[in-house]
């Protein structure tokens, strides 16, 4: 029963992730189609608990830094919860 619940939660999170990425790509495409100006962006590569952050300007890097810290904290919380459940 517990394994099925964890599988369902994982599957739901993967589906939500794909949906968010798809919506972000659509949003960026529509925004870029009607706007003219500078292109700003950035990204993060997470290797274990360590994020590698890159970007084209300071504002993008700050936003991605905050988001990656939130992601790492959530990752650690989920890992601690799952470790206690399997004891």
Protein backbone atom coordinates (compact mmCIF):
# COMPACT_ATOMS: atom_id res chain seq x y z
CA UNK A 1 0.00 0.00 0.00
CA UNK A 2 2.76 2.46 0.96
CA UNK A 3 4.77 1.70 -2.18
CA UNK A 4 1.72 2.35 -4.36
CA UNK A 5 1.17 5.69 -2.62
CA UNK A 6 4.81 6.72 -3.13
CA UNK A 7 4.62 5.64 -6.78
CA UNK A 8 1.45 7.68 -7.29
CA UNK A 9 3.00 10.76 -5.68
CA UNK A 10 6.10 10.38 -7.84
CA UNK A 11 4.07 9.98 -11.00
CA UNK A 12 1.95 13.02 -10.15
CA UNK A 13 5.09 15.10 -9.53
CA UNK A 14 6.57 14.03 -12.88
CA UNK A 15 3.35 14.94 -14.69
CA UNK A 16 3.24 18.31 -12.92
CA UNK A 17 6.87 18.90 -13.89
CA UNK A 18 6.25 18.19 -17.56
CA UNK A 19 3.16 20.42 -17.47
CA UNK A 20 5.09 23.32 -15.92
CA UNK A 21 7.91 23.00 -18.46
CA UNK A 22 5.44 22.85 -21.35
CA UNK A 23 3.54 25.89 -20.06
CA UNK A 24 6.80 27.82 -19.57
CA UNK A 25 7.91 27.09 -23.13
CA UNK A 26 4.55 28.22 -24.49
CA UNK A 27 4.61 31.36 -22.34
CA UNK A 28 8.13 32.23 -23.48
CA UNK A 29 7.25 31.63 -27.12
CA UNK A 30 4.21 33.91 -26.98
CA UNK A 31 6.11 36.57 -25.06
CA UNK A 32 9.03 36.47 -27.50
CA UNK A 33 6.72 36.67 -30.52
CA UNK A 34 5.29 40.04 -29.57
CA UNK A 35 8.17 41.61 -27.64
CA UNK A 36 11.34 43.08 -29.04
CA UNK A 37 14.30 43.75 -26.85
CA UNK A 38 17.06 42.10 -24.94
CA UNK A 39 17.08 38.39 -24.28
CA UNK A 40 17.69 37.37 -20.69
CA UNK A 41 17.80 33.91 -19.24
CA UNK A 42 19.60 31.39 -17.19
CA UNK A 43 19.60 27.86 -15.98
CA UNK A 44 20.64 25.48 -13.29
CA UNK A 45 22.17 22.03 -13.36
CA UNK A 46 21.69 20.10 -10.14
CA UNK A 47 24.27 17.42 -9.43
CA UNK A 48 23.27 15.77 -6.19
CA UNK A 49 22.50 18.56 -3.74
CA UNK A 50 24.83 21.04 -5.47
CA UNK A 51 23.39 23.47 -8.03
CA UNK A 52 25.49 24.91 -10.84
CA UNK A 53 23.86 28.19 -11.82
CA UNK A 54 24.43 30.22 -14.99
CA UNK A 55 22.71 33.19 -16.55
CA UNK A 56 22.99 36.19 -18.82
CA UNK A 57 22.37 38.87 -16.18
CA UNK A 58 22.36 39.31 -12.40
CA UNK A 59 18.56 39.40 -12.11
CA UNK A 60 18.14 36.03 -13.82
CA UNK A 61 20.86 34.46 -11.70
CA UNK A 62 19.27 35.77 -8.48
CA UNK A 63 15.88 34.32 -9.39
CA UNK A 64 17.37 30.98 -10.35
CA UNK A 65 19.47 30.94 -7.18
CA UNK A 66 16.38 31.39 -5.00
CA UNK A 67 14.48 28.74 -6.93
CA UNK A 68 17.35 26.26 -6.72
CA UNK A 69 17.67 26.81 -2.94
CA UNK A 70 13.95 26.14 -2.54
CA UNK A 71 14.30 23.02 -4.70
CA UNK A 72 17.26 21.71 -2.67
CA UNK A 73 15.42 22.31 0.63
CA UNK A 74 12.38 20.44 -0.68
CA UNK A 75 14.62 17.64 -1.90
CA UNK A 76 16.24 17.26 1.52
CA UNK A 77 12.85 17.35 3.29
CA UNK A 78 11.45 14.65 1.01
CA UNK A 79 14.56 12.53 1.48
CA UNK A 80 14.32 12.80 5.28
CA UNK A 81 10.61 11.97 5.25
CA UNK A 82 11.10 8.95 3.00
CA UNK A 83 14.06 7.75 5.09
CA UNK A 84 11.91 7.80 8.24
CA UNK A 85 9.03 6.03 6.51
CA UNK A 86 11.20 3.10 5.41
CA UNK A 87 12.61 2.44 8.90
